Protein backbone atom coordinates (compact mmCIF):
# COMPACT_ATOMS: atom_id res chain seq x y z
CA MET A 1 -3.90 -1.82 -13.41
CA TYR A 2 -0.60 -3.04 -14.76
CA LEU A 3 1.81 -2.16 -11.95
CA PRO A 4 5.50 -3.10 -12.13
CA LYS A 5 6.94 -3.14 -8.63
CA HIS A 6 9.36 -0.27 -9.25
CA PHE A 7 6.44 2.03 -10.12
CA GLU A 8 4.26 1.06 -7.13
CA VAL A 9 3.70 3.63 -4.36
CA THR A 10 1.99 2.72 -1.10
CA ASP A 11 3.31 5.49 1.18
CA ALA A 12 0.22 7.00 2.81
CA ASP A 13 1.43 10.60 2.83
CA THR A 14 2.52 10.50 -0.81
CA LEU A 15 -0.87 9.18 -1.93
CA ALA A 16 -2.77 11.68 0.24
CA ASN A 17 -0.71 14.57 -1.15
CA LEU A 18 -1.52 13.67 -4.75
CA ILE A 19 -5.24 13.38 -3.98
CA SER A 20 -5.14 16.75 -2.22
CA GLU A 21 -3.29 18.45 -5.10
CA TYR A 22 -5.34 16.79 -7.86
CA PRO A 23 -8.80 16.13 -6.30
CA LEU A 24 -10.76 15.78 -9.56
CA ALA A 25 -11.29 12.03 -9.81
CA THR A 26 -12.53 9.78 -12.57
CA LEU A 27 -15.09 7.66 -10.72
CA ILE A 28 -15.91 4.33 -12.36
CA GLY A 29 -18.54 1.77 -11.44
CA ILE A 30 -20.63 -0.97 -13.03
CA LEU A 31 -24.37 -0.33 -13.22
CA GLY A 32 -26.11 -3.41 -14.55
CA ASP A 33 -24.33 -4.23 -17.79
CA GLN A 34 -23.07 -0.67 -18.31
CA THR A 35 -19.92 1.12 -17.15
CA GLU A 36 -20.82 4.35 -15.36
CA ILE A 37 -18.06 6.98 -15.48
CA ASN A 38 -18.14 10.35 -13.75
CA HIS A 39 -15.66 13.14 -13.07
CA LEU A 40 -15.96 14.88 -9.72
CA PRO A 41 -13.78 16.28 -6.92
CA LEU A 42 -13.37 14.03 -3.90
CA MET A 43 -11.92 14.62 -0.45
CA LEU A 44 -9.89 12.05 1.49
CA SER A 45 -10.63 11.65 5.19
CA SER A 46 -7.80 12.33 7.64
CA ASP A 47 -7.44 8.62 8.42
CA GLN A 48 -7.45 7.76 4.68
CA SER A 49 -10.29 5.29 5.09
CA ARG A 50 -12.97 7.19 3.15
CA LEU A 51 -13.52 9.52 0.22
CA TYR A 52 -16.29 12.11 0.24
CA GLY A 53 -18.03 14.08 -2.47
CA HIS A 54 -21.41 15.00 -3.89
CA VAL A 55 -23.33 14.54 -7.14
CA ALA A 56 -26.62 15.59 -8.68
CA ARG A 57 -29.60 13.60 -7.43
CA SER A 58 -30.39 12.67 -11.03
CA ASN A 59 -26.95 11.09 -11.56
CA PRO A 60 -27.25 7.34 -12.42
CA LEU A 61 -24.14 6.79 -10.28
CA LEU A 62 -26.35 6.83 -7.19
CA LYS A 63 -27.99 3.57 -8.25
CA ILE A 64 -24.69 1.77 -7.71
CA ALA A 65 -25.09 2.36 -3.97
CA ASP A 66 -28.10 0.02 -4.05
CA GLN A 67 -26.11 -2.82 -5.61
CA VAL A 68 -24.26 -5.59 -3.80
CA PRO A 69 -21.40 -5.08 -4.02
CA SER A 70 -21.48 -1.31 -4.52
CA GLN A 71 -17.85 -1.16 -5.62
CA VAL A 72 -16.40 1.80 -7.47
CA THR A 73 -12.90 2.92 -8.42
CA ALA A 74 -11.73 6.53 -8.16
CA VAL A 75 -8.71 7.45 -10.28
CA PHE A 76 -6.78 10.61 -9.37
CA HIS A 77 -4.53 11.92 -12.14
CA GLY A 78 -1.38 13.78 -11.18
CA PRO A 79 1.04 15.49 -13.57
CA SER A 80 2.23 13.74 -16.73
CA ALA A 81 4.97 14.34 -19.28
CA TYR A 82 6.06 13.02 -22.65
CA VAL A 83 9.72 11.95 -22.41
CA THR A 84 11.73 12.15 -25.61
CA PRO A 85 14.65 9.72 -26.03
CA SER A 86 16.74 12.64 -27.24
CA TRP A 87 17.13 13.62 -23.58
CA TYR A 88 18.94 10.39 -22.71
CA PRO A 89 22.76 10.51 -22.58
CA SER A 90 22.63 6.79 -23.40
CA LYS A 91 21.07 7.51 -26.81
CA PRO A 92 24.38 8.08 -28.68
CA GLU A 93 25.88 4.96 -27.12
CA THR A 94 23.46 2.32 -28.43
CA GLY A 95 20.54 4.09 -30.08
CA LYS A 96 18.31 1.58 -28.27
CA VAL A 97 15.90 4.11 -26.78
CA VAL A 98 12.27 5.00 -27.45
CA PRO A 99 9.86 7.68 -26.25
CA THR A 100 7.77 7.10 -23.14
CA TRP A 101 5.31 8.88 -20.92
CA ASN A 102 5.85 9.66 -17.24
CA TYR A 103 2.79 10.03 -15.01
CA ALA A 104 1.45 9.67 -11.50
CA VAL A 105 -1.97 8.27 -10.59
CA VAL A 106 -3.71 7.02 -7.47
CA HIS A 107 -6.41 4.34 -7.60
CA ALA A 108 -8.88 4.10 -4.72
CA GLN A 109 -11.29 1.17 -4.72
CA GLY A 110 -14.16 0.92 -2.30
CA ASN A 111 -17.88 0.64 -1.66
CA LEU A 112 -20.21 3.53 -2.44
CA SER A 113 -22.91 4.76 -0.09
CA LEU A 114 -25.11 7.87 0.01
CA ILE A 115 -25.33 10.60 2.63
CA ASN A 116 -28.79 12.16 2.82
CA ASP A 117 -28.10 14.64 5.60
CA SER A 118 -28.69 18.32 4.88
CA LEU A 119 -26.43 19.55 7.69
CA TRP A 120 -23.58 17.27 6.58
CA LEU A 121 -24.00 18.36 2.97
CA ARG A 122 -23.85 22.07 3.83
CA LYS A 123 -20.73 21.54 5.93
CA HIS A 124 -19.14 19.43 3.18
CA VAL A 125 -19.77 21.98 0.43
CA SER A 126 -18.50 24.79 2.65
CA GLN A 127 -15.37 22.82 3.46
CA MET A 128 -14.59 22.14 -0.19
CA THR A 129 -15.09 25.82 -1.00
CA ASN A 130 -12.86 26.96 1.86
CA ILE A 131 -10.09 24.60 0.72
CA HIS A 132 -10.04 25.66 -2.92
CA GLU A 133 -10.92 29.36 -2.86
CA PRO A 134 -7.50 30.46 -1.48
CA THR A 135 -5.87 28.92 -4.56
CA TYR A 136 -7.30 31.88 -6.48
CA GLN A 137 -6.71 34.39 -3.67
CA SER A 138 -10.48 34.66 -3.39
CA GLN A 139 -12.70 35.15 -0.36
CA TRP A 140 -15.99 33.68 -1.67
CA LYS A 141 -17.95 31.65 0.88
CA LEU A 142 -21.19 29.73 0.69
CA GLU A 143 -22.86 32.38 2.86
CA ASP A 144 -22.25 34.98 0.13
CA ALA A 145 -25.06 33.48 -1.97
CA PRO A 146 -28.73 34.09 -1.06
CA GLU A 147 -29.94 31.47 1.42
CA GLU A 148 -32.94 30.53 -0.71
CA TYR A 149 -30.64 29.84 -3.66
CA VAL A 150 -28.21 27.84 -1.50
CA GLN A 151 -31.04 25.66 -0.24
CA MET A 152 -32.27 25.06 -3.79
CA MET A 153 -28.81 23.98 -4.89
CA LEU A 154 -28.27 21.76 -1.83
CA ASN A 155 -31.62 20.07 -2.42
CA ALA A 156 -30.45 19.12 -5.92
CA ILE A 157 -27.39 17.17 -4.75
CA VAL A 158 -26.65 14.22 -2.50
CA GLY A 159 -23.51 13.35 -0.58
CA ILE A 160 -21.49 10.24 -1.38
CA GLU A 161 -19.03 8.26 0.69
CA ILE A 162 -16.58 5.63 -0.52
CA GLN A 163 -15.28 3.23 2.10
CA ILE A 164 -11.81 2.51 0.76
CA THR A 165 -10.78 -1.14 0.49
CA ASN A 166 -7.61 -0.59 -1.54
CA LEU A 167 -5.45 2.49 -2.12
CA VAL A 168 -2.40 2.36 -4.33
CA GLY A 169 -0.36 4.66 -6.52
CA LYS A 170 1.51 4.20 -9.78
CA PHE A 171 4.27 6.77 -10.17
CA LYS A 172 6.06 6.12 -13.45
CA LEU A 173 8.95 8.55 -13.09
CA SER A 174 11.80 7.09 -15.17
CA GLN A 175 12.88 4.85 -12.25
CA ASN A 176 13.66 2.13 -14.80
CA ARG A 177 16.24 4.25 -16.63
CA PRO A 178 19.99 4.37 -15.89
CA ALA A 179 20.92 7.04 -13.32
CA LYS A 180 22.40 9.37 -15.96
CA ASP A 181 19.24 9.19 -18.06
CA TYR A 182 17.08 9.82 -14.99
CA ALA A 183 19.14 12.89 -14.08
CA ALA A 184 18.93 14.20 -17.64
CA VAL A 185 15.14 13.82 -17.76
CA LEU A 186 14.83 15.56 -14.40
CA GLY A 187 16.97 18.45 -15.60
CA GLU A 188 14.96 18.92 -18.80
CA LEU A 189 11.67 18.87 -16.90
CA LYS A 190 12.86 21.34 -14.26
CA HIS A 191 13.94 23.87 -16.89
CA SER A 192 10.85 23.48 -19.06
CA PRO A 193 8.56 26.53 -19.39
CA SER A 194 5.58 24.18 -18.94
CA LYS A 195 4.17 24.26 -15.41
CA ASN A 196 2.89 20.71 -15.83
CA LEU A 197 6.37 19.43 -16.68
CA GLN A 198 7.80 21.32 -13.72
CA GLU A 199 5.24 19.59 -11.48
CA MET A 200 6.44 16.26 -12.83
CA ALA A 201 10.01 17.26 -11.92
CA LYS A 202 8.90 17.98 -8.35
CA LEU A 203 7.52 14.46 -8.08
CA MET A 204 10.75 12.98 -9.37
CA LYS A 205 12.82 14.99 -6.90
CA PRO A 206 10.86 16.98 -4.30
CA ASP A 207 12.59 20.10 -3.00
């Protein structure tokens, strides 16, 4: 990843927060001479050393775990925003401005392994459900489904673990613009009716 120093983020809490808020990862690995790409939610361990998730047993991704090395990259995508040069106070002064795109991503590289443990898998799926259900003010739990059906679904998936070897963020948030341009962009984003643009504003200046 192209990563100018002023866009690099290594603060552990900042990276963990983005993963927690935007858990759907693009998981990329090399399987033979092919690039295997999947999209799945992942959970970061409390010590930030591992990512956990699950996939269908028929997913070709699982074959990467048998390779040496079994390296994969998980990309977590935070909010993004098109930035028009018309927002910049510096535009009338020189005219030397162009559009850009602000965004925040976290890349986690590591080695993939499988977890074939039915008790772990049930606990993992329950934990993911319990984390995300309150977002919708819902009370659904794994136990609400018939046990026979739950077992059938659990038998069709396998747990995955990624031992993280490198964790880094790229937060391109107009840091390279003059202070007055940065403030103007922030103001426009904060007052936008778009929730996504408002989320970008929170990253630029958390409350």
